[in-house]
Amino acid sequence: MNRAAVSKGSYGYIISGRKTGVIRTCFLTGFCVGIFLLGLALTGTNRNVFSIIAALGCIPVGLSTVNMILFFRAKPCSEKAYQEIESHRGGLSIQYDLEMTADPTNFSIAAITVFGQTIAAYTEDQTLDVLDAQKHLRLQIGISSYHDYHIQVFHDLKAFCQLLDQME
């Protein structure tokens, strides 16, 4: 998958981000090492402007590495769950592969949709505390002045799909 073709919230975003992160990090690291070695070969010492350029090039390498690590820590939606959800989707807009960050923990959401005053989310992360995730979602939408939403987070794919059928 081409990362440019996979936007945030689309199925495959995390997998695409992992691939892109590895390629970008390797390329930037190779570029910095190449600049350093070029300066070393031309001057015979590491005390030159090439070393400074290579050292400054390590800043984007670090940023890219952190981004790549975060993509590898995120849990994407499985192909099986995606196919099942899509078969029950109807006309609903569904966002996939979301990682919600909170202070004590992160919440891996495989799929989420909103219809009327109902927010329904599905997670494949069995360690996710559903009540904490619901509380975090309620807090986040409350910040945007949205209130009185019924929020449900499911571990059970069948229950999530049944709710999707009722929502459409």
N, C-alpha and C. Protein backbone atom coordinates (compact mmCIF):
# COMPACT_ATOMS: atom_id res chain seq x y z
N MET A 1 0.83 -1.18 0.00
CA MET A 1 0.00 0.00 0.00
C MET A 1 0.87 1.24 0.00
N ASN A 2 0.47 2.21 -0.75
CA ASN A 2 1.17 3.48 -0.80
C ASN A 2 0.63 4.37 0.31
N ARG A 3 1.51 4.91 1.15
CA ARG A 3 1.06 5.71 2.29
C ARG A 3 0.25 6.92 1.83
N ALA A 4 0.61 7.51 0.70
CA ALA A 4 -0.13 8.67 0.21
C ALA A 4 -1.57 8.29 -0.09
N ALA A 5 -1.79 7.04 -0.45
CA ALA A 5 -3.14 6.59 -0.79
C ALA A 5 -3.94 6.17 0.45
N VAL A 6 -3.27 5.97 1.58
CA VAL A 6 -3.95 5.53 2.79
C VAL A 6 -3.96 6.69 3.78
N SER A 7 -5.12 7.31 3.93
CA SER A 7 -5.21 8.47 4.82
C SER A 7 -5.53 8.02 6.24
N LYS A 8 -5.28 8.90 7.18
CA LYS A 8 -5.55 8.61 8.58
C LYS A 8 -7.04 8.31 8.75
N GLY A 9 -7.33 7.22 9.46
CA GLY A 9 -8.71 6.80 9.64
C GLY A 9 -9.16 5.75 8.65
N SER A 10 -8.33 5.50 7.64
CA SER A 10 -8.64 4.47 6.64
C SER A 10 -8.02 3.14 7.07
N TYR A 11 -8.66 2.05 6.63
CA TYR A 11 -8.11 0.74 6.93
C TYR A 11 -6.73 0.61 6.27
N GLY A 12 -5.77 0.10 7.01
CA GLY A 12 -4.42 -0.08 6.49
C GLY A 12 -3.47 1.06 6.81
N TYR A 13 -3.95 2.09 7.50
CA TYR A 13 -3.12 3.26 7.79
C TYR A 13 -1.92 2.88 8.67
N ILE A 14 -2.12 2.07 9.68
CA ILE A 14 -1.03 1.71 10.59
C ILE A 14 0.01 0.86 9.87
N ILE A 15 -0.43 -0.12 9.10
CA ILE A 15 0.50 -0.97 8.35
C ILE A 15 1.29 -0.13 7.35
N SER A 16 0.61 0.76 6.66
CA SER A 16 1.27 1.64 5.70
C SER A 16 2.26 2.56 6.40
N GLY A 17 1.87 3.07 7.57
CA GLY A 17 2.77 3.94 8.33
C GLY A 17 4.01 3.22 8.80
N ARG A 18 3.87 1.94 9.13
CA ARG A 18 5.03 1.14 9.53
C ARG A 18 6.03 1.02 8.38
N LYS A 19 5.51 0.67 7.21
CA LYS A 19 6.38 0.50 6.04
C LYS A 19 7.07 1.81 5.68
N THR A 20 6.29 2.88 5.64
CA THR A 20 6.85 4.19 5.29
C THR A 20 7.87 4.62 6.33
N GLY A 21 7.58 4.37 7.61
CA GLY A 21 8.51 4.75 8.67
C GLY A 21 9.84 4.04 8.57
N VAL A 22 9.82 2.75 8.27
CA VAL A 22 11.06 2.00 8.12
C VAL A 22 11.87 2.53 6.94
N ILE A 23 11.21 2.73 5.82
CA ILE A 23 11.91 3.23 4.62
C ILE A 23 12.49 4.61 4.87
N ARG A 24 11.68 5.52 5.43
CA ARG A 24 12.14 6.89 5.68
C ARG A 24 13.30 6.90 6.68
N THR A 25 13.19 6.13 7.76
CA THR A 25 14.24 6.11 8.78
C THR A 25 15.54 5.55 8.21
N CYS A 26 15.45 4.47 7.44
CA CYS A 26 16.65 3.89 6.83
C CYS A 26 17.29 4.86 5.84
N PHE A 27 16.48 5.52 5.03
CA PHE A 27 17.00 6.47 4.06
C PHE A 27 17.71 7.63 4.76
N LEU A 28 17.07 8.21 5.76
CA LEU A 28 17.66 9.35 6.46
C LEU A 28 18.93 8.96 7.21
N THR A 29 18.93 7.77 7.81
CA THR A 29 20.12 7.29 8.50
C THR A 29 21.26 7.08 7.51
N GLY A 30 20.96 6.47 6.38
CA GLY A 30 21.97 6.26 5.34
C GLY A 30 22.52 7.58 4.81
N PHE A 31 21.65 8.56 4.66
CA PHE A 31 22.08 9.88 4.19
C PHE A 31 23.06 10.51 5.18
N CYS A 32 22.74 10.45 6.47
CA CYS A 32 23.62 11.04 7.49
C CYS A 32 24.97 10.31 7.55
N VAL A 33 24.92 8.99 7.51
CA VAL A 33 26.17 8.22 7.53
C VAL A 33 26.98 8.52 6.27
N GLY A 34 26.31 8.61 5.12
CA GLY A 34 27.01 8.93 3.87
C GLY A 34 27.68 10.28 3.90
N ILE A 35 27.00 11.30 4.42
CA ILE A 35 27.58 12.64 4.53
C ILE A 35 28.80 12.61 5.45
N PHE A 36 28.66 11.91 6.58
CA PHE A 36 29.78 11.82 7.52
C PHE A 36 30.98 11.12 6.88
N LEU A 37 30.73 9.99 6.21
CA LEU A 37 31.83 9.24 5.57
C LEU A 37 32.45 10.02 4.42
N LEU A 38 31.65 10.79 3.69
CA LEU A 38 32.18 11.64 2.63
C LEU A 38 33.14 12.66 3.21
N GLY A 39 32.75 13.31 4.29
CA GLY A 39 33.63 14.29 4.94
C GLY A 39 34.89 13.64 5.47
N LEU A 40 34.76 12.46 6.02
CA LEU A 40 35.91 11.73 6.55
C LEU A 40 36.87 11.35 5.42
N ALA A 41 36.32 10.92 4.28
CA ALA A 41 37.16 10.53 3.14
C ALA A 41 37.85 11.75 2.51
N LEU A 42 37.14 12.87 2.43
CA LEU A 42 37.71 14.06 1.78
C LEU A 42 38.75 14.77 2.65
N THR A 43 38.52 14.82 3.96
CA THR A 43 39.42 15.59 4.82
C THR A 43 40.32 14.73 5.70
N GLY A 44 39.99 13.48 5.87
CA GLY A 44 40.80 12.59 6.69
C GLY A 44 40.55 12.76 8.19
N THR A 45 39.62 13.60 8.56
CA THR A 45 39.29 13.82 9.96
C THR A 45 37.78 14.03 10.10
N ASN A 46 37.31 13.85 11.32
CA ASN A 46 35.88 14.06 11.53
C ASN A 46 35.58 15.51 11.94
N ARG A 47 36.57 16.35 11.99
CA ARG A 47 36.39 17.77 12.35
C ARG A 47 36.24 18.60 11.08
N ASN A 48 35.03 18.55 10.52
CA ASN A 48 34.76 19.29 9.30
C ASN A 48 33.28 19.63 9.22
N VAL A 49 32.92 20.41 8.23
CA VAL A 49 31.53 20.85 8.08
C VAL A 49 30.60 19.67 7.76
N PHE A 50 31.12 18.63 7.12
CA PHE A 50 30.30 17.46 6.81
C PHE A 50 29.81 16.77 8.09
N SER A 51 30.67 16.74 9.11
CA SER A 51 30.28 16.14 10.38
C SER A 51 29.15 16.94 11.04
N ILE A 52 29.22 18.26 10.91
CA ILE A 52 28.17 19.12 11.47
C ILE A 52 26.86 18.88 10.74
N ILE A 53 26.93 18.81 9.41
CA ILE A 53 25.72 18.55 8.61
C ILE A 53 25.14 17.18 8.96
N ALA A 54 26.01 16.18 9.10
CA ALA A 54 25.54 14.84 9.45
C ALA A 54 24.91 14.83 10.85
N ALA A 55 25.51 15.57 11.78
CA ALA A 55 24.95 15.63 13.14
C ALA A 55 23.59 16.31 13.13
N LEU A 56 23.46 17.39 12.38
CA LEU A 56 22.17 18.07 12.27
C LEU A 56 21.14 17.19 11.57
N GLY A 57 21.61 16.35 10.65
CA GLY A 57 20.72 15.42 9.96
C GLY A 57 20.16 14.35 10.89
N CYS A 58 20.79 14.17 12.05
CA CYS A 58 20.30 13.18 13.01
C CYS A 58 19.00 13.63 13.68
N ILE A 59 18.68 14.92 13.62
CA ILE A 59 17.43 15.40 14.21
C ILE A 59 16.23 14.80 13.49
N PRO A 60 16.13 14.91 12.15
CA PRO A 60 15.00 14.25 11.48
C PRO A 60 15.06 12.73 11.59
N VAL A 61 16.26 12.16 11.71
CA VAL A 61 16.37 10.71 11.90
C VAL A 61 15.70 10.33 13.22
N GLY A 62 15.97 11.09 14.26
CA GLY A 62 15.36 10.81 15.56
C GLY A 62 13.85 10.94 15.53
N LEU A 63 13.35 12.00 14.89
CA LEU A 63 11.91 12.19 14.77
C LEU A 63 11.27 11.04 13.99
N SER A 64 11.91 10.64 12.91
CA SER A 64 11.39 9.55 12.09
C SER A 64 11.41 8.23 12.86
N THR A 65 12.45 8.02 13.64
CA THR A 65 12.57 6.79 14.42
C THR A 65 11.46 6.71 15.48
N VAL A 66 11.22 7.81 16.17
CA VAL A 66 10.15 7.84 17.17
C VAL A 66 8.80 7.58 16.51
N ASN A 67 8.55 8.21 15.37
CA ASN A 67 7.30 8.01 14.64
C ASN A 67 7.15 6.54 14.24
N MET A 68 8.23 5.94 13.75
CA MET A 68 8.21 4.54 13.35
C MET A 68 7.90 3.63 14.54
N ILE A 69 8.53 3.91 15.68
CA ILE A 69 8.29 3.11 16.88
C ILE A 69 6.83 3.20 17.31
N LEU A 70 6.25 4.39 17.23
CA LEU A 70 4.84 4.55 17.60
C LEU A 70 3.93 3.76 16.67
N PHE A 71 4.25 3.72 15.38
CA PHE A 71 3.45 2.92 14.46
C PHE A 71 3.57 1.43 14.78
N PHE A 72 4.76 0.99 15.20
CA PHE A 72 4.92 -0.42 15.53
C PHE A 72 4.23 -0.79 16.84
N ARG A 73 4.06 0.17 17.74
CA ARG A 73 3.35 -0.09 18.99
C ARG A 73 1.84 -0.11 18.79
N ALA A 74 1.34 0.59 17.78
CA ALA A 74 -0.10 0.65 17.52
C ALA A 74 -0.61 -0.70 17.01
N LYS A 75 -1.86 -0.99 17.32
CA LYS A 75 -2.46 -2.26 16.90
C LYS A 75 -3.47 -2.00 15.79
N PRO A 76 -3.19 -2.49 14.58
CA PRO A 76 -4.12 -2.26 13.47
C PRO A 76 -5.33 -3.19 13.53
N CYS A 77 -6.35 -2.82 12.79
CA CYS A 77 -7.54 -3.66 12.65
C CYS A 77 -7.17 -4.87 11.78
N SER A 78 -7.60 -6.05 12.18
CA SER A 78 -7.30 -7.25 11.40
C SER A 78 -8.14 -7.28 10.12
N GLU A 79 -7.65 -8.00 9.14
CA GLU A 79 -8.36 -8.14 7.86
C GLU A 79 -9.73 -8.80 8.07
N LYS A 80 -9.77 -9.81 8.93
CA LYS A 80 -11.03 -10.51 9.19
C LYS A 80 -12.07 -9.56 9.79
N ALA A 81 -11.66 -8.79 10.79
CA ALA A 81 -12.58 -7.84 11.43
C ALA A 81 -13.01 -6.76 10.43
N TYR A 82 -12.07 -6.30 9.63
CA TYR A 82 -12.40 -5.27 8.62
C TYR A 82 -13.47 -5.77 7.66
N GLN A 83 -13.30 -6.99 7.15
CA GLN A 83 -14.27 -7.56 6.21
C GLN A 83 -15.65 -7.71 6.86
N GLU A 84 -15.65 -8.16 8.11
CA GLU A 84 -16.92 -8.35 8.83
C GLU A 84 -17.61 -7.00 9.06
N ILE A 85 -16.86 -6.01 9.47
CA ILE A 85 -17.43 -4.68 9.73
C ILE A 85 -17.96 -4.07 8.43
N GLU A 86 -17.20 -4.20 7.36
CA GLU A 86 -17.62 -3.65 6.07
C GLU A 86 -18.92 -4.30 5.58
N SER A 87 -19.12 -5.58 5.90
CA SER A 87 -20.35 -6.25 5.46
C SER A 87 -21.58 -5.75 6.24
N HIS A 88 -21.37 -5.11 7.38
CA HIS A 88 -22.47 -4.56 8.18
C HIS A 88 -22.50 -3.04 8.16
N ARG A 89 -21.65 -2.44 7.41
CA ARG A 89 -21.47 -0.99 7.41
C ARG A 89 -22.69 -0.21 6.94
N GLY A 90 -23.29 -0.66 5.88
CA GLY A 90 -24.40 0.09 5.30
C GLY A 90 -23.92 1.45 4.83
N GLY A 91 -24.62 2.51 5.21
CA GLY A 91 -24.23 3.86 4.82
C GLY A 91 -23.44 4.60 5.87
N LEU A 92 -23.00 3.91 6.91
CA LEU A 92 -22.27 4.56 8.00
C LEU A 92 -20.84 4.90 7.61
N SER A 93 -20.35 5.99 8.14
CA SER A 93 -18.95 6.37 7.97
C SER A 93 -18.16 5.76 9.13
N ILE A 94 -17.19 4.94 8.79
CA ILE A 94 -16.41 4.24 9.82
C ILE A 94 -14.94 4.61 9.67
N GLN A 95 -14.31 4.92 10.79
CA GLN A 95 -12.88 5.21 10.83
C GLN A 95 -12.17 3.98 11.40
N TYR A 96 -11.05 3.61 10.81
CA TYR A 96 -10.30 2.43 11.22
C TYR A 96 -8.91 2.81 11.73
N ASP A 97 -8.29 1.86 12.42
CA ASP A 97 -6.88 1.97 12.84
C ASP A 97 -6.58 3.25 13.60
N LEU A 98 -7.28 3.46 14.70
CA LEU A 98 -7.07 4.66 15.50
C LEU A 98 -6.33 4.32 16.79
N GLU A 99 -5.47 5.20 17.19
CA GLU A 99 -4.74 5.07 18.45
C GLU A 99 -4.99 6.34 19.23
N MET A 100 -5.80 6.24 20.28
CA MET A 100 -6.11 7.40 21.11
C MET A 100 -5.12 7.44 22.26
N THR A 101 -4.48 8.58 22.42
CA THR A 101 -3.49 8.71 23.48
C THR A 101 -4.09 9.45 24.67
N ALA A 102 -3.85 8.91 25.84
CA ALA A 102 -4.29 9.53 27.08
C ALA A 102 -3.08 9.52 28.02
N ASP A 103 -3.18 10.23 29.12
CA ASP A 103 -2.03 10.36 30.01
C ASP A 103 -1.55 9.03 30.58
N PRO A 104 -2.42 8.22 31.18
CA PRO A 104 -1.88 6.98 31.74
C PRO A 104 -1.71 5.85 30.72
N THR A 105 -2.47 5.87 29.64
CA THR A 105 -2.45 4.74 28.71
C THR A 105 -2.88 5.18 27.32
N ASN A 106 -2.73 4.29 26.36
CA ASN A 106 -3.22 4.50 25.00
C ASN A 106 -4.37 3.53 24.75
N PHE A 107 -5.26 3.92 23.85
CA PHE A 107 -6.40 3.08 23.51
C PHE A 107 -6.34 2.75 22.02
N SER A 108 -6.21 1.46 21.70
CA SER A 108 -6.20 1.02 20.31
C SER A 108 -7.63 0.73 19.88
N ILE A 109 -8.13 1.52 18.96
CA ILE A 109 -9.49 1.36 18.45
C ILE A 109 -9.40 0.85 17.02
N ALA A 110 -9.93 -0.34 16.77
CA ALA A 110 -9.89 -0.91 15.42
C ALA A 110 -10.86 -0.20 14.50
N ALA A 111 -12.05 0.15 15.01
CA ALA A 111 -13.07 0.82 14.19
C ALA A 111 -13.97 1.65 15.10
N ILE A 112 -14.43 2.78 14.57
CA ILE A 112 -15.34 3.65 15.33
C ILE A 112 -16.29 4.34 14.36
N THR A 113 -17.52 4.54 14.81
CA THR A 113 -18.51 5.24 14.00
C THR A 113 -19.40 6.08 14.90
N VAL A 114 -20.01 7.09 14.31
CA VAL A 114 -20.95 7.95 15.02
C VAL A 114 -22.23 8.02 14.21
N PHE A 115 -23.36 7.83 14.88
CA PHE A 115 -24.65 7.98 14.22
C PHE A 115 -25.61 8.58 15.23
N GLY A 116 -26.12 9.74 14.91
CA GLY A 116 -27.00 10.43 15.84
C GLY A 116 -26.25 10.78 17.11
N GLN A 117 -26.77 10.33 18.24
CA GLN A 117 -26.14 10.58 19.53
C GLN A 117 -25.41 9.34 20.05
N THR A 118 -25.07 8.42 19.15
CA THR A 118 -24.41 7.19 19.54
C THR A 118 -23.02 7.10 18.92
N ILE A 119 -22.04 6.80 19.75
CA ILE A 119 -20.68 6.52 19.29
C ILE A 119 -20.40 5.07 19.62
N ALA A 120 -20.05 4.30 18.59
CA ALA A 120 -19.75 2.88 18.78
C ALA A 120 -18.32 2.62 18.32
N ALA A 121 -17.56 1.94 19.16
CA ALA A 121 -16.17 1.63 18.84
C ALA A 121 -15.91 0.15 19.07
N TYR A 122 -15.00 -0.41 18.29
CA TYR A 122 -14.61 -1.81 18.43
C TYR A 122 -13.10 -1.86 18.61
N THR A 123 -12.66 -2.65 19.56
CA THR A 123 -11.23 -2.84 19.79
C THR A 123 -10.90 -4.33 19.77
N GLU A 124 -9.75 -4.64 19.22
CA GLU A 124 -9.26 -6.02 19.25
C GLU A 124 -8.25 -6.21 20.38
N ASP A 125 -7.94 -5.15 21.08
CA ASP A 125 -7.01 -5.18 22.20
C ASP A 125 -7.75 -5.67 23.44
N GLN A 126 -7.54 -6.92 23.81
CA GLN A 126 -8.26 -7.51 24.94
C GLN A 126 -7.85 -6.92 26.28
N THR A 127 -6.71 -6.23 26.33
CA THR A 127 -6.26 -5.62 27.58
C THR A 127 -6.85 -4.22 27.78
N LEU A 128 -7.53 -3.70 26.76
CA LEU A 128 -8.10 -2.36 26.85
C LEU A 128 -9.25 -2.34 27.86
N ASP A 129 -9.22 -1.38 28.76
CA ASP A 129 -10.29 -1.21 29.73
C ASP A 129 -11.40 -0.40 29.07
N VAL A 130 -12.53 -1.05 28.84
CA VAL A 130 -13.65 -0.44 28.12
C VAL A 130 -14.16 0.80 28.83
N LEU A 131 -14.27 0.74 30.14
CA LEU A 131 -14.79 1.89 30.90
C LEU A 131 -13.85 3.09 30.80
N ASP A 132 -12.54 2.84 30.86
CA ASP A 132 -11.58 3.94 30.71
C ASP A 132 -11.66 4.54 29.31
N ALA A 133 -11.81 3.69 28.30
CA ALA A 133 -11.92 4.18 26.92
C ALA A 133 -13.18 5.02 26.74
N GLN A 134 -14.29 4.56 27.30
CA GLN A 134 -15.53 5.33 27.21
C GLN A 134 -15.40 6.67 27.94
N LYS A 135 -14.76 6.64 29.09
CA LYS A 135 -14.55 7.87 29.86
C LYS A 135 -13.67 8.85 29.07
N HIS A 136 -12.62 8.33 28.43
CA HIS A 136 -11.73 9.18 27.64
C HIS A 136 -12.47 9.78 26.44
N LEU A 137 -13.25 8.97 25.75
CA LEU A 137 -14.04 9.48 24.62
C LEU A 137 -15.03 10.55 25.08
N ARG A 138 -15.69 10.31 26.19
CA ARG A 138 -16.64 11.29 26.72
C ARG A 138 -15.93 12.61 27.05
N LEU A 139 -14.74 12.51 27.65
CA LEU A 139 -13.96 13.70 27.97
C LEU A 139 -13.57 14.46 26.70
N GLN A 140 -13.11 13.74 25.68
CA GLN A 140 -12.66 14.38 24.44
C GLN A 140 -13.80 15.06 23.70
N ILE A 141 -14.95 14.43 23.63
CA ILE A 141 -16.06 15.08 22.92
C ILE A 141 -16.64 16.21 23.76
N GLY A 142 -16.52 16.10 25.09
CA GLY A 142 -16.97 17.17 25.97
C GLY A 142 -16.14 18.43 25.79
N ILE A 143 -14.85 18.26 25.52
CA ILE A 143 -13.96 19.40 25.26
C ILE A 143 -14.44 20.17 24.04
N SER A 144 -15.00 19.46 23.08
CA SER A 144 -15.52 20.09 21.86
C SER A 144 -16.98 20.51 22.01
N SER A 145 -17.48 20.53 23.23
CA SER A 145 -18.85 20.96 23.56
C SER A 145 -19.93 20.03 23.01
N TYR A 146 -19.62 18.76 22.86
CA TYR A 146 -20.63 17.76 22.50
C TYR A 146 -20.96 16.98 23.76
N HIS A 147 -22.24 16.93 24.09
CA HIS A 147 -22.67 16.27 25.31
C HIS A 147 -23.83 15.32 25.00
N ASP A 148 -24.19 14.52 25.97
CA ASP A 148 -25.33 13.60 25.89
C ASP A 148 -25.17 12.56 24.78
N TYR A 149 -23.96 12.09 24.55
CA TYR A 149 -23.73 11.01 23.59
C TYR A 149 -23.69 9.69 24.35
N HIS A 150 -24.26 8.67 23.73
CA HIS A 150 -24.19 7.32 24.28
C HIS A 150 -22.97 6.66 23.65
N ILE A 151 -22.00 6.29 24.47
CA ILE A 151 -20.72 5.75 23.98
C ILE A 151 -20.61 4.29 24.38
N GLN A 152 -20.32 3.44 23.39
CA GLN A 152 -20.11 2.02 23.64
C GLN A 152 -18.81 1.59 22.98
N VAL A 153 -17.99 0.87 23.74
CA VAL A 153 -16.76 0.28 23.22
C VAL A 153 -16.89 -1.23 23.38
N PHE A 154 -16.68 -1.94 22.28
CA PHE A 154 -16.89 -3.39 22.26
C PHE A 154 -15.58 -4.15 22.09
N HIS A 155 -15.48 -5.28 22.78
CA HIS A 155 -14.44 -6.28 22.52
C HIS A 155 -15.00 -7.35 21.57
N ASP A 156 -16.31 -7.49 21.57
CA ASP A 156 -16.99 -8.53 20.79
C ASP A 156 -17.39 -7.98 19.42
N LEU A 157 -16.81 -8.56 18.37
CA LEU A 157 -17.07 -8.10 17.00
C LEU A 157 -18.53 -8.30 16.61
N LYS A 158 -19.13 -9.42 17.01
CA LYS A 158 -20.53 -9.67 16.65
C LYS A 158 -21.46 -8.64 17.27
N ALA A 159 -21.22 -8.29 18.52
CA ALA A 159 -22.06 -7.28 19.19
C ALA A 159 -21.90 -5.92 18.51
N PHE A 160 -20.67 -5.59 18.11
CA PHE A 160 -20.42 -4.33 17.41
C PHE A 160 -21.16 -4.31 16.07
N CYS A 161 -21.10 -5.41 15.34
CA CYS A 161 -21.77 -5.49 14.04
C CYS A 161 -23.30 -5.45 14.20
N GLN A 162 -23.82 -6.05 15.25
CA GLN A 162 -25.27 -5.97 15.50
C GLN A 162 -25.69 -4.52 15.75
N LEU A 163 -24.87 -3.78 16.48
CA LEU A 163 -25.19 -2.37 16.71
C LEU A 163 -25.10 -1.58 15.41
N LEU A 164 -24.12 -1.91 14.55
CA LEU A 164 -24.03 -1.24 13.25
C LEU A 164 -25.30 -1.47 12.44
N ASP A 165 -25.81 -2.70 12.47
CA ASP A 165 -27.05 -3.01 11.75
C ASP A 165 -28.22 -2.18 12.28
N GLN A 166 -28.26 -1.96 13.58
CA GLN A 166 -29.33 -1.17 14.19
C GLN A 166 -29.18 0.32 13.90
N MET A 167 -27.96 0.77 13.74
CA MET A 167 -27.70 2.21 13.55
C MET A 167 -28.08 2.71 12.16
N GLU A 168 -27.96 1.85 11.17
CA GLU A 168 -28.19 2.35 9.80
C GLU A 168 -29.64 2.48 9.45
